[in-house]
Amino acid sequence: MNALEIAGKMETDAIKFYTEAAARTKYEAGKKMFLSITEDEKRHLELIGQLIKGMNITIRDVSPVQKVKTVFETMKDSMMQKVAASKDDLEAFKIAMEMEKEGKAFYERFLAAAKTEKEKALFTRLIEEERQHYEIFSNTYSHLSDTGNWFLWEERGVIEGG
């Protein structure tokens, strides 16, 4: 298996995991977040497939952070309430963080070995999106595991006087 085939397998596994996590999580914003990330992973798989087939790929400027931010903005009122996350929900976010961290490291190794400009562009983009996914999951994990302090640090109202 070459780097692109392995990347395709990783993306397929991620799609399966995030789809299952969305179905199981009780936290509504988390469910929507997992579904949003699933769409990113499907797009990654499509890009990898196009590159394998030798097709011209166009990497759209998609920001996972902006997409998920929209999800959270639409649920602002429910986000203000303390959330009692289940151990399963928290575990799903921990696993997702580890998957994204490993995915980023994986793509960094393949970027170093990439032979074509298309491969380099694709792996560079995937590295950035995996980094953003990690931040999203990390932030959500912090919110669910310690909502009160999450608001203190993320909103910075008390610290910055806002």
C-alpha atoms as a PDB file:
ATOM      1  CA  MET A   1       0.000   0.000   0.000  1.00  0.00           C
ATOM      2  CA  ASN A   2       1.351   3.433  -0.874  1.00  0.00           C
ATOM      3  CA  ALA A   3       0.921   6.650   1.120  1.00  0.00           C
ATOM      4  CA  LEU A   4      -2.242   7.725  -0.695  1.00  0.00           C
ATOM      5  CA  GLU A   5      -3.909   4.327  -0.256  1.00  0.00           C
ATOM      6  CA  ILE A   6      -3.048   4.350   3.459  1.00  0.00           C
ATOM      7  CA  ALA A   7      -4.380   7.913   3.733  1.00  0.00           C
ATOM      8  CA  GLY A   8      -7.614   6.773   2.071  1.00  0.00           C
ATOM      9  CA  LYS A   9      -7.939   3.932   4.577  1.00  0.00           C
ATOM     10  CA  MET A  10      -7.336   6.355   7.462  1.00  0.00           C
ATOM     11  CA  GLU A  11     -10.036   8.696   6.182  1.00  0.00           C
ATOM     12  CA  THR A  12     -12.474   5.797   5.707  1.00  0.00           C
ATOM     13  CA  ASP A  13     -11.835   4.657   9.286  1.00  0.00           C
ATOM     14  CA  ALA A  14     -12.318   8.219  10.552  1.00  0.00           C
ATOM     15  CA  ILE A  15     -15.642   8.541   8.698  1.00  0.00           C
ATOM     16  CA  LYS A  16     -16.863   5.326  10.304  1.00  0.00           C
ATOM     17  CA  PHE A  17     -15.725   6.346  13.796  1.00  0.00           C
ATOM     18  CA  TYR A  18     -17.181   9.881  13.644  1.00  0.00           C
ATOM     19  CA  THR A  19     -20.479   8.630  12.213  1.00  0.00           C
ATOM     20  CA  GLU A  20     -20.782   6.115  15.048  1.00  0.00           C
ATOM     21  CA  ALA A  21     -19.719   8.714  17.625  1.00  0.00           C
ATOM     22  CA  ALA A  22     -22.392  11.115  16.350  1.00  0.00           C
ATOM     23  CA  ALA A  23     -25.030   8.409  16.692  1.00  0.00           C
ATOM     24  CA  ARG A  24     -23.981   7.605  20.259  1.00  0.00           C
ATOM     25  CA  THR A  25     -23.233  10.985  21.817  1.00  0.00           C
ATOM     26  CA  LYS A  26     -25.985  12.498  23.921  1.00  0.00           C
ATOM     27  CA  TYR A  27     -24.554  16.019  23.739  1.00  0.00           C
ATOM     28  CA  GLU A  28     -26.415  17.637  20.813  1.00  0.00           C
ATOM     29  CA  ALA A  29     -23.681  20.114  19.866  1.00  0.00           C
ATOM     30  CA  GLY A  30     -21.161  17.288  20.012  1.00  0.00           C
ATOM     31  CA  LYS A  31     -23.343  15.173  17.747  1.00  0.00           C
ATOM     32  CA  LYS A  32     -23.486  17.975  15.173  1.00  0.00           C
ATOM     33  CA  MET A  33     -19.776  18.560  15.516  1.00  0.00           C
ATOM     34  CA  PHE A  34     -18.994  14.888  14.812  1.00  0.00           C
ATOM     35  CA  LEU A  35     -21.237  15.039  11.728  1.00  0.00           C
ATOM     36  CA  SER A  36     -19.482  18.193  10.518  1.00  0.00           C
ATOM     37  CA  ILE A  37     -16.065  16.564  10.914  1.00  0.00           C
ATOM     38  CA  THR A  38     -17.409  13.469   9.106  1.00  0.00           C
ATOM     39  CA  GLU A  39     -18.146  15.679   6.088  1.00  0.00           C
ATOM     40  CA  ASP A  40     -14.569  17.010   6.198  1.00  0.00           C
ATOM     41  CA  GLU A  41     -13.228  13.451   6.251  1.00  0.00           C
ATOM     42  CA  LYS A  42     -15.430  12.520   3.274  1.00  0.00           C
ATOM     43  CA  ARG A  43     -14.004  15.485   1.379  1.00  0.00           C
ATOM     44  CA  HIS A  44     -10.477  14.359   2.298  1.00  0.00           C
ATOM     45  CA  LEU A  45     -11.248  10.871   0.994  1.00  0.00           C
ATOM     46  CA  GLU A  46     -12.556  12.344  -2.266  1.00  0.00           C
ATOM     47  CA  LEU A  47      -9.394  14.450  -2.723  1.00  0.00           C
ATOM     48  CA  ILE A  48      -7.159  11.451  -2.055  1.00  0.00           C
ATOM     49  CA  GLY A  49      -9.174   9.370  -4.524  1.00  0.00           C
ATOM     50  CA  GLN A  50      -8.842  12.029  -7.196  1.00  0.00           C
ATOM     51  CA  LEU A  51      -5.099  12.209  -6.674  1.00  0.00           C
ATOM     52  CA  ILE A  52      -4.790   8.414  -6.879  1.00  0.00           C
ATOM     53  CA  LYS A  53      -6.680   8.461 -10.189  1.00  0.00           C
ATOM     54  CA  GLY A  54      -4.363  11.179 -11.484  1.00  0.00           C
ATOM     55  CA  MET A  55      -7.144  13.708 -11.766  1.00  0.00           C
ATOM     56  CA  ASN A  56      -6.649  17.397 -11.321  1.00  0.00           C
ATOM     57  CA  ILE A  57      -7.642  18.273  -7.796  1.00  0.00           C
ATOM     58  CA  THR A  58      -8.751  21.628  -6.556  1.00  0.00           C
ATOM     59  CA  ILE A  59      -8.360  22.099  -2.840  1.00  0.00           C
ATOM     60  CA  ARG A  60     -11.199  24.259  -1.618  1.00  0.00           C
ATOM     61  CA  ASP A  61     -10.467  26.636   1.223  1.00  0.00           C
ATOM     62  CA  VAL A  62     -12.654  25.056   3.879  1.00  0.00           C
ATOM     63  CA  SER A  63     -12.163  25.910   7.525  1.00  0.00           C
ATOM     64  CA  PRO A  64     -13.327  23.165   9.890  1.00  0.00           C
ATOM     65  CA  VAL A  65     -13.126  25.638  12.777  1.00  0.00           C
ATOM     66  CA  GLN A  66     -15.490  28.081  11.044  1.00  0.00           C
ATOM     67  CA  LYS A  67     -17.946  25.293  10.180  1.00  0.00           C
ATOM     68  CA  VAL A  68     -18.082  24.022  13.755  1.00  0.00           C
ATOM     69  CA  LYS A  69     -18.229  27.574  15.129  1.00  0.00           C
ATOM     70  CA  THR A  70     -21.482  28.002  13.198  1.00  0.00           C
ATOM     71  CA  VAL A  71     -22.870  24.858  14.854  1.00  0.00           C
ATOM     72  CA  PHE A  72     -22.035  26.218  18.285  1.00  0.00           C
ATOM     73  CA  GLU A  73     -23.393  29.681  17.495  1.00  0.00           C
ATOM     74  CA  THR A  74     -26.767  28.208  16.550  1.00  0.00           C
ATOM     75  CA  MET A  75     -26.858  26.386  19.891  1.00  0.00           C
ATOM     76  CA  LYS A  76     -25.582  29.256  22.059  1.00  0.00           C
ATOM     77  CA  ASP A  77     -28.416  29.158  24.606  1.00  0.00           C
ATOM     78  CA  SER A  78     -28.082  25.446  25.273  1.00  0.00           C
ATOM     79  CA  MET A  79     -24.291  25.825  25.425  1.00  0.00           C
ATOM     80  CA  MET A  80     -24.619  28.204  28.370  1.00  0.00           C
ATOM     81  CA  GLN A  81     -26.020  25.431  30.539  1.00  0.00           C
ATOM     82  CA  LYS A  82     -23.748  23.126  32.471  1.00  0.00           C
ATOM     83  CA  VAL A  83     -23.591  19.907  30.531  1.00  0.00           C
ATOM     84  CA  ALA A  84     -23.494  16.549  32.220  1.00  0.00           C
ATOM     85  CA  ALA A  85     -21.438  14.591  29.736  1.00  0.00           C
ATOM     86  CA  SER A  86     -21.436  10.843  29.940  1.00  0.00           C
ATOM     87  CA  LYS A  87     -18.182   8.939  30.259  1.00  0.00           C
ATOM     88  CA  ASP A  88     -18.843   7.568  26.769  1.00  0.00           C
ATOM     89  CA  ASP A  89     -19.134  11.084  25.315  1.00  0.00           C
ATOM     90  CA  LEU A  90     -15.881  12.147  26.951  1.00  0.00           C
ATOM     91  CA  GLU A  91     -14.153   8.968  25.809  1.00  0.00           C
ATOM     92  CA  ALA A  92     -15.301   9.554  22.222  1.00  0.00           C
ATOM     93  CA  PHE A  93     -13.759  13.029  22.280  1.00  0.00           C
ATOM     94  CA  LYS A  94     -10.506  11.681  23.761  1.00  0.00           C
ATOM     95  CA  ILE A  95     -10.310   9.052  21.018  1.00  0.00           C
ATOM     96  CA  ALA A  96     -11.094  11.680  18.375  1.00  0.00           C
ATOM     97  CA  MET A  97      -8.297  13.912  19.705  1.00  0.00           C
ATOM     98  CA  GLU A  98      -5.831  11.023  19.502  1.00  0.00           C
ATOM     99  CA  MET A  99      -6.986  10.118  15.977  1.00  0.00           C
ATOM    100  CA  GLU A 100      -6.501  13.679  14.757  1.00  0.00           C
ATOM    101  CA  LYS A 101      -3.089  13.930  16.438  1.00  0.00           C
ATOM    102  CA  GLU A 102      -1.980  10.683  14.795  1.00  0.00           C
ATOM    103  CA  GLY A 103      -3.474  11.758  11.463  1.00  0.00           C
ATOM    104  CA  LYS A 104      -1.513  15.010  11.531  1.00  0.00           C
ATOM    105  CA  ALA A 105       1.734  13.157  12.328  1.00  0.00           C
ATOM    106  CA  PHE A 106       0.987  10.641   9.575  1.00  0.00           C
ATOM    107  CA  TYR A 107       0.448  13.370   6.966  1.00  0.00           C
ATOM    108  CA  GLU A 108       3.588  15.205   8.116  1.00  0.00           C
ATOM    109  CA  ARG A 109       5.653  12.068   7.414  1.00  0.00           C
ATOM    110  CA  PHE A 110       4.119  11.692   3.974  1.00  0.00           C
ATOM    111  CA  LEU A 111       4.545  15.386   3.192  1.00  0.00           C
ATOM    112  CA  ALA A 112       8.279  14.938   3.778  1.00  0.00           C
ATOM    113  CA  ALA A 113       8.302  12.047   1.276  1.00  0.00           C
ATOM    114  CA  ALA A 114       5.880  13.569  -1.264  1.00  0.00           C
ATOM    115  CA  LYS A 115       7.184  13.589  -4.815  1.00  0.00           C
ATOM    116  CA  THR A 116       4.734  15.839  -6.649  1.00  0.00           C
ATOM    117  CA  GLU A 117       3.449  19.323  -5.982  1.00  0.00           C
ATOM    118  CA  LYS A 118      -0.108  17.953  -5.913  1.00  0.00           C
ATOM    119  CA  GLU A 119       0.810  15.504  -3.159  1.00  0.00           C
ATOM    120  CA  LYS A 120       2.586  18.244  -1.217  1.00  0.00           C
ATOM    121  CA  ALA A 121      -0.406  20.585  -1.527  1.00  0.00           C
ATOM    122  CA  LEU A 122      -2.817  17.857  -0.453  1.00  0.00           C
ATOM    123  CA  PHE A 123      -0.788  16.712   2.546  1.00  0.00           C
ATOM    124  CA  THR A 124      -0.167  20.318   3.634  1.00  0.00           C
ATOM    125  CA  ARG A 125      -3.920  20.964   3.540  1.00  0.00           C
ATOM    126  CA  LEU A 126      -4.722  17.737   5.394  1.00  0.00           C
ATOM    127  CA  ILE A 127      -2.178  18.587   8.105  1.00  0.00           C
ATOM    128  CA  GLU A 128      -3.853  21.945   8.699  1.00  0.00           C
ATOM    129  CA  GLU A 129      -7.339  20.450   8.800  1.00  0.00           C
ATOM    130  CA  GLU A 130      -6.267  17.670  11.177  1.00  0.00           C
ATOM    131  CA  ARG A 131      -4.759  20.357  13.437  1.00  0.00           C
ATOM    132  CA  GLN A 132      -8.034  22.272  13.405  1.00  0.00           C
ATOM    133  CA  HIS A 133     -10.018  19.095  14.111  1.00  0.00           C
ATOM    134  CA  TYR A 134      -7.773  18.391  17.103  1.00  0.00           C
ATOM    135  CA  GLU A 135      -8.387  21.905  18.456  1.00  0.00           C
ATOM    136  CA  ILE A 136     -12.141  21.488  18.010  1.00  0.00           C
ATOM    137  CA  PHE A 137     -12.199  18.169  19.860  1.00  0.00           C
ATOM    138  CA  SER A 138      -9.855  19.414  22.584  1.00  0.00           C
ATOM    139  CA  ASN A 139     -11.967  22.506  23.161  1.00  0.00           C
ATOM    140  CA  THR A 140     -15.156  20.451  23.285  1.00  0.00           C
ATOM    141  CA  TYR A 141     -13.588  17.950  25.676  1.00  0.00           C
ATOM    142  CA  SER A 142     -12.580  20.831  27.967  1.00  0.00           C
ATOM    143  CA  HIS A 143     -16.075  22.280  27.773  1.00  0.00           C
ATOM    144  CA  LEU A 144     -17.745  18.977  28.622  1.00  0.00           C
ATOM    145  CA  SER A 145     -15.350  17.963  31.384  1.00  0.00           C
ATOM    146  CA  ASP A 146     -15.213  21.347  33.140  1.00  0.00           C
ATOM    147  CA  THR A 147     -17.840  23.710  31.719  1.00  0.00           C
ATOM    148  CA  GLY A 148     -17.412  26.423  34.376  1.00  0.00           C
ATOM    149  CA  ASN A 149     -13.680  26.823  33.877  1.00  0.00           C
ATOM    150  CA  TRP A 150     -14.052  26.435  30.115  1.00  0.00           C
ATOM    151  CA  PHE A 151     -16.239  29.556  30.018  1.00  0.00           C
ATOM    152  CA  LEU A 152     -13.765  31.394  32.246  1.00  0.00           C
ATOM    153  CA  TRP A 153     -10.777  30.626  30.014  1.00  0.00           C
ATOM    154  CA  GLU A 154     -12.426  30.577  26.597  1.00  0.00           C
ATOM    155  CA  GLU A 155     -14.560  33.661  26.999  1.00  0.00           C
ATOM    156  CA  ARG A 156     -11.924  35.575  29.033  1.00  0.00           C
ATOM    157  CA  GLY A 157     -14.581  37.971  30.321  1.00  0.00           C
ATOM    158  CA  VAL A 158     -13.367  38.102  33.877  1.00  0.00           C
ATOM    159  CA  ILE A 159      -9.673  38.101  33.042  1.00  0.00           C
ATOM    160  CA  GLU A 160      -9.803  40.724  30.309  1.00  0.00           C
ATOM    161  CA  GLY A 161     -12.603  42.789  31.814  1.00  0.00           C
ATOM    162  CA  GLY A 162     -15.003  42.072  28.927  1.00  0.00           C
END
